[in-house]
PDB file of N, CA and C in Angstrom:
ATOM      1  N   MET A   1     203.115  39.566  26.257  1.00  0.00           N
ATOM      2  CA  MET A   1     203.429  38.780  25.081  1.00  0.00           C
ATOM      3  C   MET A   1     204.562  39.448  24.317  1.00  0.00           C
ATOM      4  N   ASN A   2     205.443  38.637  23.795  1.00  0.00           N
ATOM      5  CA  ASN A   2     206.505  39.231  22.995  1.00  0.00           C
ATOM      6  C   ASN A   2     206.093  39.284  21.530  1.00  0.00           C
ATOM      7  N   GLU A   3     206.957  39.822  20.709  1.00  0.00           N
ATOM      8  CA  GLU A   3     206.638  40.051  19.301  1.00  0.00           C
ATOM      9  C   GLU A   3     206.344  38.759  18.541  1.00  0.00           C
ATOM     10  N   THR A   4     206.974  37.663  18.898  1.00  0.00           N
ATOM     11  CA  THR A   4     206.794  36.403  18.163  1.00  0.00           C
ATOM     12  C   THR A   4     205.548  35.648  18.577  1.00  0.00           C
ATOM     13  N   THR A   5     205.060  35.860  19.798  1.00  0.00           N
ATOM     14  CA  THR A   5     203.879  35.130  20.239  1.00  0.00           C
ATOM     15  C   THR A   5     202.607  35.960  20.217  1.00  0.00           C
ATOM     16  N   GLU A   6     202.735  37.243  19.943  1.00  0.00           N
ATOM     17  CA  GLU A   6     201.569  38.120  19.926  1.00  0.00           C
ATOM     18  C   GLU A   6     200.691  37.808  18.718  1.00  0.00           C
ATOM     19  N   LYS A   7     199.391  37.691  18.964  1.00  0.00           N
ATOM     20  CA  LYS A   7     198.452  37.424  17.879  1.00  0.00           C
ATOM     21  C   LYS A   7     198.281  38.676  17.037  1.00  0.00           C
ATOM     22  N   PRO A   8     198.162  38.493  15.707  1.00  0.00           N
ATOM     23  CA  PRO A   8     197.983  39.672  14.846  1.00  0.00           C
ATOM     24  C   PRO A   8     196.637  40.327  15.102  1.00  0.00           C
ATOM     25  N   ASN A   9     196.609  41.629  15.012  1.00  0.00           N
ATOM     26  CA  ASN A   9     195.386  42.389  15.176  1.00  0.00           C
ATOM     27  C   ASN A   9     194.673  42.446  13.832  1.00  0.00           C
ATOM     28  N   LYS A  10     193.580  41.693  13.706  1.00  0.00           N
ATOM     29  CA  LYS A  10     192.867  41.629  12.436  1.00  0.00           C
ATOM     30  C   LYS A  10     192.196  42.949  12.070  1.00  0.00           C
ATOM     31  N   ALA A  11     192.016  43.824  13.022  1.00  0.00           N
ATOM     32  CA  ALA A  11     191.344  45.087  12.731  1.00  0.00           C
ATOM     33  C   ALA A  11     192.316  46.161  12.250  1.00  0.00           C
ATOM     34  N   ARG A  12     193.599  45.860  12.209  1.00  0.00           N
ATOM     35  CA  ARG A  12     194.572  46.847  11.771  1.00  0.00           C
ATOM     36  C   ARG A  12     194.339  47.171  10.290  1.00  0.00           C
ATOM     37  N   LEU A  13     194.290  48.440   9.970  1.00  0.00           N
ATOM     38  CA  LEU A  13     194.016  48.849   8.595  1.00  0.00           C
ATOM     39  C   LEU A  13     195.261  48.744   7.732  1.00  0.00           C
ATOM     40  N   LEU A  14     195.045  48.288   6.509  1.00  0.00           N
ATOM     41  CA  LEU A  14     196.128  48.209   5.543  1.00  0.00           C
ATOM     42  C   LEU A  14     196.054  49.414   4.617  1.00  0.00           C
ATOM     43  N   THR A  15     196.781  50.448   4.917  1.00  0.00           N
ATOM     44  CA  THR A  15     196.848  51.606   4.039  1.00  0.00           C
ATOM     45  C   THR A  15     198.274  52.099   4.026  1.00  0.00           C
ATOM     46  N   MET A  16     198.577  52.846   3.027  1.00  0.00           N
ATOM     47  CA  MET A  16     199.884  53.471   2.968  1.00  0.00           C
ATOM     48  C   MET A  16     199.898  54.580   4.009  1.00  0.00           C
ATOM     49  N   PRO A  17     201.076  54.951   4.478  1.00  0.00           N
ATOM     50  CA  PRO A  17     201.136  56.043   5.451  1.00  0.00           C
ATOM     51  C   PRO A  17     200.539  57.317   4.874  1.00  0.00           C
ATOM     52  N   ALA A  18     199.678  57.941   5.642  1.00  0.00           N
ATOM     53  CA  ALA A  18     199.054  59.186   5.190  1.00  0.00           C
ATOM     54  C   ALA A  18     200.062  60.315   5.304  1.00  0.00           C
ATOM     55  N   THR A  19     200.079  61.146   4.288  1.00  0.00           N
ATOM     56  CA  THR A  19     200.960  62.300   4.321  1.00  0.00           C
ATOM     57  C   THR A  19     200.151  63.523   3.937  1.00  0.00           C
ATOM     58  N   SER A  20     200.340  64.575   4.664  1.00  0.00           N
ATOM     59  CA  SER A  20     199.569  65.784   4.376  1.00  0.00           C
ATOM     60  C   SER A  20     200.058  66.471   3.104  1.00  0.00           C
ATOM     61  N   SER A  21     201.274  66.143   2.659  1.00  0.00           N
ATOM     62  CA  SER A  21     201.803  66.804   1.469  1.00  0.00           C
ATOM     63  C   SER A  21     201.517  66.043   0.180  1.00  0.00           C
ATOM     64  N   ALA A  22     200.877  64.885   0.264  1.00  0.00           N
ATOM     65  CA  ALA A  22     200.596  64.095  -0.936  1.00  0.00           C
ATOM     66  C   ALA A  22     199.610  64.840  -1.826  1.00  0.00           C
ATOM     67  N   THR A  23     199.962  64.967  -3.089  1.00  0.00           N
ATOM     68  CA  THR A  23     199.056  65.593  -4.038  1.00  0.00           C
ATOM     69  C   THR A  23     198.596  64.549  -5.038  1.00  0.00           C
ATOM     70  N   ALA A  24     197.353  64.636  -5.408  1.00  0.00           N
ATOM     71  CA  ALA A  24     196.776  63.665  -6.338  1.00  0.00           C
ATOM     72  C   ALA A  24     197.293  63.924  -7.744  1.00  0.00           C
ATOM     73  N   PRO A  25     197.573  62.856  -8.478  1.00  0.00           N
ATOM     74  CA  PRO A  25     197.932  63.041  -9.882  1.00  0.00           C
ATOM     75  C   PRO A  25     196.716  63.526 -10.666  1.00  0.00           C
ATOM     76  N   LYS A  26     196.958  64.080 -11.827  1.00  0.00           N
ATOM     77  CA  LYS A  26     195.863  64.549 -12.675  1.00  0.00           C
ATOM     78  C   LYS A  26     195.112  63.349 -13.250  1.00  0.00           C
ATOM     79  N   PRO A  27     193.794  63.497 -13.439  1.00  0.00           N
ATOM     80  CA  PRO A  27     193.045  62.407 -14.072  1.00  0.00           C
ATOM     81  C   PRO A  27     193.431  62.291 -15.540  1.00  0.00           C
ATOM     82  N   PRO A  28     193.284  61.105 -16.120  1.00  0.00           N
ATOM     83  CA  PRO A  28     193.570  60.962 -17.553  1.00  0.00           C
ATOM     84  C   PRO A  28     192.676  61.903 -18.365  1.00  0.00           C
ATOM     85  N   ALA A  29     193.178  62.358 -19.493  1.00  0.00           N
ATOM     86  CA  ALA A  29     192.452  63.318 -20.330  1.00  0.00           C
ATOM     87  C   ALA A  29     191.124  62.767 -20.841  1.00  0.00           C
ATOM     88  N   TRP A  30     191.014  61.450 -20.997  1.00  0.00           N
ATOM     89  CA  TRP A  30     189.795  60.863 -21.540  1.00  0.00           C
ATOM     90  C   TRP A  30     188.666  60.781 -20.512  1.00  0.00           C
ATOM     91  N   LEU A  31     188.962  61.028 -19.256  1.00  0.00           N
ATOM     92  CA  LEU A  31     187.930  60.967 -18.213  1.00  0.00           C
ATOM     93  C   LEU A  31     187.043  62.198 -18.331  1.00  0.00           C
ATOM     94  N   ARG A  32     185.738  62.001 -18.459  1.00  0.00           N
ATOM     95  CA  ARG A  32     184.804  63.097 -18.688  1.00  0.00           C
ATOM     96  C   ARG A  32     183.571  62.972 -17.782  1.00  0.00           C
ATOM     97  N   GLY A  33     182.807  64.032 -17.752  1.00  0.00           N
ATOM     98  CA  GLY A  33     181.488  64.037 -17.122  1.00  0.00           C
ATOM     99  C   GLY A  33     181.475  63.546 -15.687  1.00  0.00           C
ATOM    100  N   GLU A  34     180.552  62.652 -15.413  1.00  0.00           N
ATOM    101  CA  GLU A  34     180.360  62.136 -14.061  1.00  0.00           C
ATOM    102  C   GLU A  34     181.598  61.403 -13.556  1.00  0.00           C
ATOM    103  N   ALA A  35     182.311  60.729 -14.442  1.00  0.00           N
ATOM    104  CA  ALA A  35     183.540  60.026 -14.038  1.00  0.00           C
ATOM    105  C   ALA A  35     184.573  61.027 -13.510  1.00  0.00           C
ATOM    106  N   LYS A  36     184.709  62.142 -14.193  1.00  0.00           N
ATOM    107  CA  LYS A  36     185.668  63.161 -13.751  1.00  0.00           C
ATOM    108  C   LYS A  36     185.194  63.824 -12.460  1.00  0.00           C
ATOM    109  N   ARG A  37     183.892  64.023 -12.327  1.00  0.00           N
ATOM    110  CA  ARG A  37     183.352  64.583 -11.075  1.00  0.00           C
ATOM    111  C   ARG A  37     183.656  63.651  -9.903  1.00  0.00           C
ATOM    112  N   TYR A  38     183.484  62.360 -10.131  1.00  0.00           N
ATOM    113  CA  TYR A  38     183.775  61.387  -9.071  1.00  0.00           C
ATOM    114  C   TYR A  38     185.256  61.446  -8.699  1.00  0.00           C
ATOM    115  N   TRP A  39     186.120  61.536  -9.696  1.00  0.00           N
ATOM    116  CA  TRP A  39     187.564  61.656  -9.451  1.00  0.00           C
ATOM    117  C   TRP A  39     187.835  62.871  -8.573  1.00  0.00           C
ATOM    118  N   ARG A  40     187.297  64.023  -8.983  1.00  0.00           N
ATOM    119  CA  ARG A  40     187.544  65.276  -8.261  1.00  0.00           C
ATOM    120  C   ARG A  40     187.030  65.220  -6.817  1.00  0.00           C
ATOM    121  N   GLN A  41     185.921  64.530  -6.607  1.00  0.00           N
ATOM    122  CA  GLN A  41     185.364  64.415  -5.248  1.00  0.00           C
ATOM    123  C   GLN A  41     186.296  63.660  -4.314  1.00  0.00           C
ATOM    124  N   HIS A  42     187.036  62.693  -4.839  1.00  0.00           N
ATOM    125  CA  HIS A  42     187.785  61.777  -3.981  1.00  0.00           C
ATOM    126  C   HIS A  42     189.301  61.864  -4.100  1.00  0.00           C
ATOM    127  N   GLU A  43     189.812  62.594  -5.075  1.00  0.00           N
ATOM    128  CA  GLU A  43     191.248  62.581  -5.345  1.00  0.00           C
ATOM    129  C   GLU A  43     192.108  63.015  -4.162  1.00  0.00           C
ATOM    130  N   ASP A  44     191.755  64.093  -3.500  1.00  0.00           N
ATOM    131  CA  ASP A  44     192.603  64.594  -2.414  1.00  0.00           C
ATOM    132  C   ASP A  44     192.674  63.621  -1.241  1.00  0.00           C
ATOM    133  N   GLU A  45     191.531  63.094  -0.842  1.00  0.00           N
ATOM    134  CA  GLU A  45     191.517  62.156   0.282  1.00  0.00           C
ATOM    135  C   GLU A  45     192.262  60.866  -0.056  1.00  0.00           C
ATOM    136  N   LEU A  46     192.071  60.363  -1.274  1.00  0.00           N
ATOM    137  CA  LEU A  46     192.762  59.129  -1.669  1.00  0.00           C
ATOM    138  C   LEU A  46     194.267  59.346  -1.741  1.00  0.00           C
ATOM    139  N   ALA A  47     194.698  60.481  -2.244  1.00  0.00           N
ATOM    140  CA  ALA A  47     196.131  60.788  -2.288  1.00  0.00           C
ATOM    141  C   ALA A  47     196.684  60.920  -0.871  1.00  0.00           C
ATOM    142  N   ARG A  48     195.936  61.591  -0.017  1.00  0.00           N
ATOM    143  CA  ARG A  48     196.371  61.766   1.373  1.00  0.00           C
ATOM    144  C   ARG A  48     196.562  60.424   2.055  1.00  0.00           C
ATOM    145  N   ARG A  49     195.698  59.470   1.754  1.00  0.00           N
ATOM    146  CA  ARG A  49     195.782  58.141   2.357  1.00  0.00           C
ATOM    147  C   ARG A  49     196.773  57.218   1.656  1.00  0.00           C
ATOM    148  N   GLY A  50     197.388  57.704   0.595  1.00  0.00           N
ATOM    149  CA  GLY A  50     198.357  56.897  -0.127  1.00  0.00           C
ATOM    150  C   GLY A  50     197.728  55.898  -1.079  1.00  0.00           C
ATOM    151  N   LEU A  51     196.453  56.085  -1.421  1.00  0.00           N
ATOM    152  CA  LEU A  51     195.756  55.151  -2.299  1.00  0.00           C
ATOM    153  C   LEU A  51     195.705  55.629  -3.748  1.00  0.00           C
ATOM    154  N   LEU A  52     196.038  56.878  -3.994  1.00  0.00           N
ATOM    155  CA  LEU A  52     196.042  57.404  -5.357  1.00  0.00           C
ATOM    156  C   LEU A  52     197.387  58.071  -5.615  1.00  0.00           C
ATOM    157  N   ASP A  53     198.126  57.481  -6.543  1.00  0.00           N
ATOM    158  CA  ASP A  53     199.429  58.012  -6.925  1.00  0.00           C
ATOM    159  C   ASP A  53     199.627  57.728  -8.414  1.00  0.00           C
ATOM    160  N   ASP A  54     200.800  58.003  -8.915  1.00  0.00           N
ATOM    161  CA  ASP A  54     201.058  57.801 -10.344  1.00  0.00           C
ATOM    162  C   ASP A  54     200.885  56.339 -10.766  1.00  0.00           C
ATOM    163  N   PHE A  55     201.072  55.434  -9.845  1.00  0.00           N
ATOM    164  CA  PHE A  55     200.943  54.007 -10.140  1.00  0.00           C
ATOM    165  C   PHE A  55     199.480  53.569 -10.268  1.00  0.00           C
ATOM    166  N   THR A  56     198.589  54.193  -9.518  1.00  0.00           N
ATOM    167  CA  THR A  56     197.185  53.765  -9.479  1.00  0.00           C
ATOM    168  C   THR A  56     196.242  54.644 -10.297  1.00  0.00           C
ATOM    169  N   VAL A  57     196.772  55.597 -11.030  1.00  0.00           N
ATOM    170  CA  VAL A  57     195.943  56.524 -11.813  1.00  0.00           C
ATOM    171  C   VAL A  57     194.959  55.798 -12.718  1.00  0.00           C
ATOM    172  N   MET A  58     195.460  54.907 -13.548  1.00  0.00           N
ATOM    173  CA  MET A  58     194.588  54.246 -14.523  1.00  0.00           C
ATOM    174  C   MET A  58     193.553  53.356 -13.845  1.00  0.00           C
ATOM    175  N   PHE A  59     193.952  52.689 -12.780  1.00  0.00           N
ATOM    176  CA  PHE A  59     193.007  51.825 -12.082  1.00  0.00           C
ATOM    177  C   PHE A  59     191.876  52.662 -11.489  1.00  0.00           C
ATOM    178  N   PHE A  60     192.219  53.785 -10.842  1.00  0.00           N
ATOM    179  CA  PHE A  60     191.171  54.622 -10.274  1.00  0.00           C
ATOM    180  C   PHE A  60     190.323  55.250 -11.368  1.00  0.00           C
ATOM    181  N   ALA A  61     190.902  55.547 -12.521  1.00  0.00           N
ATOM    182  CA  ALA A  61     190.121  56.076 -13.648  1.00  0.00           C
ATOM    183  C   ALA A  61     189.066  55.061 -14.081  1.00  0.00           C
ATOM    184  N   ILE A  62     189.411  53.792 -14.061  1.00  0.00           N
ATOM    185  CA  ILE A  62     188.440  52.747 -14.405  1.00  0.00           C
ATOM    186  C   ILE A  62     187.349  52.671 -13.343  1.00  0.00           C
ATOM    187  N   VAL A  63     187.722  52.802 -12.081  1.00  0.00           N
ATOM    188  CA  VAL A  63     186.727  52.855 -11.003  1.00  0.00           C
ATOM    189  C   VAL A  63     185.766  54.012 -11.255  1.00  0.00           C
ATOM    190  N   CYS A  64     186.300  55.165 -11.610  1.00  0.00           N
ATOM    191  CA  CYS A  64     185.477  56.355 -11.875  1.00  0.00           C
ATOM    192  C   CYS A  64     184.554  56.127 -13.070  1.00  0.00           C
ATOM    193  N   SER A  65     185.063  55.501 -14.116  1.00  0.00           N
ATOM    194  CA  SER A  65     184.252  55.211 -15.307  1.00  0.00           C
ATOM    195  C   SER A  65     183.124  54.249 -14.979  1.00  0.00           C
ATOM    196  N   CYS A  66     183.430  53.269 -14.165  1.00  0.00           N
ATOM    197  CA  CYS A  66     182.404  52.314 -13.748  1.00  0.00           C
ATOM    198  C   CYS A  66     181.318  53.023 -12.941  1.00  0.00           C
ATOM    199  N   TRP A  67     181.735  53.912 -12.045  1.00  0.00           N
ATOM    200  CA  TRP A  67     180.770  54.700 -11.275  1.00  0.00           C
ATOM    201  C   TRP A  67     179.878  55.513 -12.212  1.00  0.00           C
ATOM    202  N   ALA A  68     180.490  56.150 -13.210  1.00  0.00           N
ATOM    203  CA  ALA A  68     179.728  56.989 -14.146  1.00  0.00           C
ATOM    204  C   ALA A  68     178.714  56.155 -14.920  1.00  0.00           C
ATOM    205  N   SER A  69     179.090  54.944 -15.306  1.00  0.00           N
ATOM    206  CA  SER A  69     178.145  54.060 -16.012  1.00  0.00           C
ATOM    207  C   SER A  69     176.973  53.717 -15.108  1.00  0.00           C
ATOM    208  N   TRP A  70     177.270  53.328 -13.868  1.00  0.00           N
ATOM    209  CA  TRP A  70     176.203  52.997 -12.918  1.00  0.00           C
ATOM    210  C   TRP A  70     175.295  54.210 -12.708  1.00  0.00           C
ATOM    211  N   PHE A  71     175.896  55.375 -12.572  1.00  0.00           N
ATOM    212  CA  PHE A  71     175.148  56.604 -12.336  1.00  0.00           C
ATOM    213  C   PHE A  71     174.209  56.910 -13.509  1.00  0.00           C
ATOM    214  N   ALA A  72     174.707  56.804 -14.743  1.00  0.00           N
ATOM    215  CA  ALA A  72     173.889  57.075 -15.935  1.00  0.00           C
ATOM    216  C   ALA A  72     172.734  56.083 -16.045  1.00  0.00           C
ATOM    217  N   ILE A  73     173.008  54.828 -15.808  1.00  0.00           N
ATOM    218  CA  ILE A  73     171.956  53.806 -15.849  1.00  0.00           C
ATOM    219  C   ILE A  73     170.910  54.094 -14.772  1.00  0.00           C
ATOM    220  N   SER A  74     171.365  54.434 -13.587  1.00  0.00           N
ATOM    221  CA  SER A  74     170.446  54.720 -12.476  1.00  0.00           C
ATOM    222  C   SER A  74     169.559  55.919 -12.779  1.00  0.00           C
ATOM    223  N   ARG A  75     170.124  56.942 -13.384  1.00  0.00           N
ATOM    224  CA  ARG A  75     169.320  58.117 -13.749  1.00  0.00           C
ATOM    225  C   ARG A  75     168.265  57.766 -14.792  1.00  0.00           C
ATOM    226  N   GLN A  76     168.627  56.924 -15.753  1.00  0.00           N
ATOM    227  CA  GLN A  76     167.664  56.523 -16.781  1.00  0.00           C
ATOM    228  C   GLN A  76     166.525  55.716 -16.159  1.00  0.00           C
ATOM    229  N   ILE A  77     166.855  54.814 -15.255  1.00  0.00           N
ATOM    230  CA  ILE A  77     165.822  54.023 -14.577  1.00  0.00           C
ATOM    231  C   ILE A  77     164.937  54.930 -13.737  1.00  0.00           C
ATOM    232  N   GLN A  78     165.549  55.897 -13.070  1.00  0.00           N
ATOM    233  CA  GLN A  78     164.771  56.843 -12.268  1.00  0.00           C
ATOM    234  C   GLN A  78     163.808  57.626 -13.160  1.00  0.00           C
ATOM    235  N   LYS A  79     164.268  57.996 -14.334  1.00  0.00           N
ATOM    236  CA  LYS A  79     163.433  58.753 -15.274  1.00  0.00           C
ATOM    237  C   LYS A  79     162.290  57.882 -15.817  1.00  0.00           C
ATOM    238  N   ASP A  80     162.614  56.640 -16.202  1.00  0.00           N
ATOM    239  CA  ASP A  80     161.633  55.751 -16.834  1.00  0.00           C
ATOM    240  C   ASP A  80     160.733  55.023 -15.854  1.00  0.00           C
ATOM    241  N   GLY A  81     161.247  54.767 -14.653  1.00  0.00           N
ATOM    242  CA  GLY A  81     160.541  53.948 -13.685  1.00  0.00           C
ATOM    243  C   GLY A  81     161.054  52.516 -13.711  1.00  0.00           C
ATOM    244  N   ILE A  82     160.709  51.773 -12.700  1.00  0.00           N
ATOM    245  CA  ILE A  82     161.169  50.380 -12.566  1.00  0.00           C
ATOM    246  C   ILE A  82     160.556  49.498 -13.652  1.00  0.00           C
ATOM    247  N   THR A  83     159.372  49.832 -14.073  1.00  0.00           N
ATOM    248  CA  THR A  83     158.747  49.082 -15.165  1.00  0.00           C
ATOM    249  C   THR A  83     158.585  49.996 -16.375  1.00  0.00           C
ATOM    250  N   VAL A  84     158.628  49.377 -17.543  1.00  0.00           N
ATOM    251  CA  VAL A  84     158.437  50.096 -18.807  1.00  0.00           C
ATOM    252  C   VAL A  84     157.453  49.290 -19.646  1.00  0.00           C
ATOM    253  N   PRO A  85     156.806  49.926 -20.617  1.00  0.00           N
ATOM    254  CA  PRO A  85     155.876  49.176 -21.464  1.00  0.00           C
ATOM    255  C   PRO A  85     156.612  48.100 -22.264  1.00  0.00           C
ATOM    256  N   GLY A  86     156.088  46.905 -22.204  1.00  0.00           N
ATOM    257  CA  GLY A  86     156.662  45.795 -22.950  1.00  0.00           C
ATOM    258  C   GLY A  86     155.812  45.473 -24.167  1.00  0.00           C
ATOM    259  N   PRO A  87     155.994  44.297 -24.744  1.00  0.00           N
ATOM    260  CA  PRO A  87     155.177  43.881 -25.886  1.00  0.00           C
ATOM    261  C   PRO A  87     153.684  43.945 -25.547  1.00  0.00           C
ATOM    262  N   GLY A  88     152.927  44.522 -26.416  1.00  0.00           N
ATOM    263  CA  GLY A  88     151.492  44.649 -26.182  1.00  0.00           C
ATOM    264  C   GLY A  88     151.142  45.707 -25.150  1.00  0.00           C
ATOM    265  N   GLY A  89     152.129  46.509 -24.728  1.00  0.00           N
ATOM    266  CA  GLY A  89     151.851  47.574 -23.770  1.00  0.00           C
ATOM    267  C   GLY A  89     151.823  47.143 -22.318  1.00  0.00           C
ATOM    268  N   ARG A  90     152.033  45.868 -22.057  1.00  0.00           N
ATOM    269  CA  ARG A  90     152.034  45.392 -20.668  1.00  0.00           C
ATOM    270  C   ARG A  90     153.332  45.796 -19.977  1.00  0.00           C
ATOM    271  N   PRO A  91     153.272  46.194 -18.706  1.00  0.00           N
ATOM    272  CA  PRO A  91     154.494  46.614 -18.010  1.00  0.00           C
ATOM    273  C   PRO A  91     155.444  45.430 -17.783  1.00  0.00           C
ATOM    274  N   VAL A  92     156.715  45.694 -18.025  1.00  0.00           N
ATOM    275  CA  VAL A  92     157.772  44.717 -17.756  1.00  0.00           C
ATOM    276  C   VAL A  92     158.860  45.403 -16.948  1.00  0.00           C
ATOM    277  N   VAL A  93     159.656  44.622 -16.264  1.00  0.00           N
ATOM    278  CA  VAL A  93     160.777  45.166 -15.494  1.00  0.00           C
ATOM    279  C   VAL A  93     161.728  45.863 -16.456  1.00  0.00           C
ATOM    280  N   HIS A  94     162.205  47.010 -16.053  1.00  0.00           N
ATOM    281  CA  HIS A  94     163.105  47.795 -16.894  1.00  0.00           C
ATOM    282  C   HIS A  94     164.327  46.952 -17.266  1.00  0.00           C
ATOM    283  N   PRO A  95     164.647  46.855 -18.552  1.00  0.00           N
ATOM    284  CA  PRO A  95     165.789  46.024 -18.961  1.00  0.00           C
ATOM    285  C   PRO A  95     167.140  46.533 -18.448  1.00  0.00           C
ATOM    286  N   LEU A  96     167.219  47.799 -18.051  1.00  0.00           N
ATOM    287  CA  LEU A  96     168.484  48.323 -17.536  1.00  0.00           C
ATOM    288  C   LEU A  96     168.768  47.915 -16.096  1.00  0.00           C
ATOM    289  N   LEU A  97     167.792  47.333 -15.411  1.00  0.00           N
ATOM    290  CA  LEU A  97     168.031  46.909 -14.024  1.00  0.00           C
ATOM    291  C   LEU A  97     169.159  45.882 -13.948  1.00  0.00           C
ATOM    292  N   ALA A  98     169.228  44.974 -14.903  1.00  0.00           N
ATOM    293  CA  ALA A  98     170.304  43.972 -14.911  1.00  0.00           C
ATOM    294  C   ALA A  98     171.655  44.644 -15.141  1.00  0.00           C
ATOM    295  N   ALA A  99     171.710  45.609 -16.051  1.00  0.00           N
ATOM    296  CA  ALA A  99     172.954  46.330 -16.308  1.00  0.00           C
ATOM    297  C   ALA A  99     173.369  47.136 -15.081  1.00  0.00           C
ATOM    298  N   GLN A 100     172.407  47.716 -14.402  1.00  0.00           N
ATOM    299  CA  GLN A 100     172.682  48.482 -13.193  1.00  0.00           C
ATOM    300  C   GLN A 100     173.317  47.584 -12.133  1.00  0.00           C
ATOM    301  N   ALA A 101     172.769  46.401 -11.951  1.00  0.00           N
ATOM    302  CA  ALA A 101     173.304  45.456 -10.968  1.00  0.00           C
ATOM    303  C   ALA A 101     174.725  45.020 -11.342  1.00  0.00           C
ATOM    304  N   ARG A 102     174.971  44.775 -12.640  1.00  0.00           N
ATOM    305  CA  ARG A 102     176.322  44.384 -13.087  1.00  0.00           C
ATOM    306  C   ARG A 102     177.330  45.503 -12.835  1.00  0.00           C
ATOM    307  N   GLU A 103     176.944  46.738 -13.132  1.00  0.00           N
ATOM    308  CA  GLU A 103     177.856  47.871 -12.920  1.00  0.00           C
ATOM    309  C   GLU A 103     178.162  48.057 -11.440  1.00  0.00           C
ATOM    310  N   LEU A 104     177.157  47.905 -10.589  1.00  0.00           N
ATOM    311  CA  LEU A 104     177.384  48.036  -9.154  1.00  0.00           C
ATOM    312  C   LEU A 104     178.319  46.940  -8.652  1.00  0.00           C
ATOM    313  N   LYS A 105     178.115  45.732  -9.128  1.00  0.00           N
ATOM    314  CA  LYS A 105     178.980  44.608  -8.728  1.00  0.00           C
ATOM    315  C   LYS A 105     180.421  44.868  -9.168  1.00  0.00           C
ATOM    316  N   LEU A 106     180.597  45.338 -10.398  1.00  0.00           N
ATOM    317  CA  LEU A 106     181.934  45.636 -10.908  1.00  0.00           C
ATOM    318  C   LEU A 106     182.565  46.782 -10.118  1.00  0.00           C
ATOM    319  N   PHE A 107     181.801  47.835  -9.855  1.00  0.00           N
ATOM    320  CA  PHE A 107     182.315  48.967  -9.086  1.00  0.00           C
ATOM    321  C   PHE A 107     182.783  48.516  -7.708  1.00  0.00           C
ATOM    322  N   ARG A 108     181.965  47.724  -7.036  1.00  0.00           N
ATOM    323  CA  ARG A 108     182.333  47.249  -5.698  1.00  0.00           C
ATOM    324  C   ARG A 108     183.592  46.388  -5.742  1.00  0.00           C
ATOM    325  N   MET A 109     183.711  45.532  -6.756  1.00  0.00           N
ATOM    326  CA  MET A 109     184.888  44.673  -6.874  1.00  0.00           C
ATOM    327  C   MET A 109     186.146  45.528  -7.106  1.00  0.00           C
ATOM    328  N   LEU A 110     186.054  46.496  -8.015  1.00  0.00           N
ATOM    329  CA  LEU A 110     187.204  47.356  -8.297  1.00  0.00           C
ATOM    330  C   LEU A 110     187.574  48.213  -7.087  1.00  0.00           C
ATOM    331  N   ALA A 111     186.571  48.775  -6.437  1.00  0.00           N
ATOM    332  CA  ALA A 111     186.820  49.601  -5.258  1.00  0.00           C
ATOM    333  C   ALA A 111     187.465  48.772  -4.148  1.00  0.00           C
ATOM    334  N   LYS A 112     187.020  47.552  -3.999  1.00  0.00           N
ATOM    335  CA  LYS A 112     187.614  46.658  -2.991  1.00  0.00           C
ATOM    336  C   LYS A 112     189.060  46.354  -3.339  1.00  0.00           C
ATOM    337  N   ASP A 113     189.324  46.049  -4.615  1.00  0.00           N
ATOM    338  CA  ASP A 113     190.688  45.751  -5.041  1.00  0.00           C
ATOM    339  C   ASP A 113     191.634  46.926  -4.832  1.00  0.00           C
ATOM    340  N   MET A 114     191.118  48.132  -4.943  1.00  0.00           N
ATOM    341  CA  MET A 114     191.950  49.312  -4.760  1.00  0.00           C
ATOM    342  C   MET A 114     192.078  49.685  -3.285  1.00  0.00           C
ATOM    343  N   GLY A 115     191.322  49.030  -2.414  1.00  0.00           N
ATOM    344  CA  GLY A 115     191.386  49.328  -0.990  1.00  0.00           C
ATOM    345  C   GLY A 115     190.486  50.473  -0.587  1.00  0.00           C
ATOM    346  N   LEU A 116     189.453  50.735  -1.384  1.00  0.00           N
ATOM    347  CA  LEU A 116     188.549  51.855  -1.097  1.00  0.00           C
ATOM    348  C   LEU A 116     187.410  51.474  -0.177  1.00  0.00           C
ATOM    349  N   MET A 117     187.140  50.181  -0.056  1.00  0.00           N
ATOM    350  CA  MET A 117     186.052  49.731   0.805  1.00  0.00           C
ATOM    351  C   MET A 117     186.621  49.508   2.205  1.00  0.00           C
ATOM    352  N   PRO A 118     185.925  49.934   3.250  1.00  0.00           N
ATOM    353  CA  PRO A 118     186.465  49.776   4.610  1.00  0.00           C
ATOM    354  C   PRO A 118     186.889  48.338   4.932  1.00  0.00           C
ATOM    355  N   LYS A 119     186.097  47.383   4.558  1.00  0.00           N
ATOM    356  CA  LYS A 119     186.434  45.993   4.870  1.00  0.00           C
ATOM    357  C   LYS A 119     187.668  45.531   4.107  1.00  0.00           C
ATOM    358  N   SER A 120     187.894  46.048   2.902  1.00  0.00           N
ATOM    359  CA  SER A 120     189.042  45.620   2.108  1.00  0.00           C
ATOM    360  C   SER A 120     190.360  46.145   2.658  1.00  0.00           C
ATOM    361  N   ARG A 121     190.315  47.077   3.597  1.00  0.00           N
ATOM    362  CA  ARG A 121     191.530  47.609   4.188  1.00  0.00           C
ATOM    363  C   ARG A 121     191.898  46.910   5.479  1.00  0.00           C
ATOM    364  N   ARG A 122     191.177  45.890   5.857  1.00  0.00           N
ATOM    365  CA  ARG A 122     191.457  45.187   7.097  1.00  0.00           C
ATOM    366  C   ARG A 122     192.352  43.980   6.833  1.00  0.00           C
ATOM    367  N   THR A 123     193.237  43.707   7.751  1.00  0.00           N
ATOM    368  CA  THR A 123     194.138  42.568   7.648  1.00  0.00           C
ATOM    369  C   THR A 123     193.346  41.276   7.665  1.00  0.00           C
ATOM    370  N   GLY A 124     193.700  40.373   6.785  1.00  0.00           N
ATOM    371  CA  GLY A 124     193.114  39.035   6.812  1.00  0.00           C
ATOM    372  C   GLY A 124     191.777  38.900   6.148  1.00  0.00           C
ATOM    373  N   THR A 125     191.277  39.910   5.454  1.00  0.00           N
ATOM    374  CA  THR A 125     190.005  39.775   4.745  1.00  0.00           C
ATOM    375  C   THR A 125     190.272  39.808   3.266  1.00  0.00           C
ATOM    376  N   SER A 126     189.342  39.232   2.537  1.00  0.00           N
ATOM    377  CA  SER A 126     189.497  39.270   1.079  1.00  0.00           C
ATOM    378  C   SER A 126     188.211  39.630   0.416  1.00  0.00           C
TER     379      SER A 126
END
């Protein structure tokens, strides 16, 4: 097959060229706690893959903040349990479960938009 008739390879990854010399930009000064830990865990690999640079700093900082929110909510639920005493002392589903689900959904959407999810790096997927 020639170049014009060859079918596109849908499994080809969409990433910037990896460079061993890429250094991650510094996280914003306002990033703290778990958000900053998440940044530090992933900064070198993301920079190496061309996914973290001066252009994407703020977007990745928001991803990190979203992760930190999900993490804090999850720890509170773990501490309190899935159910908590409701009116009259009867157990009710922990009210933070809904917030936890929203944070996870937002984190996944942001991570996908940044190309951090394996499926989001494939040609032809959305």
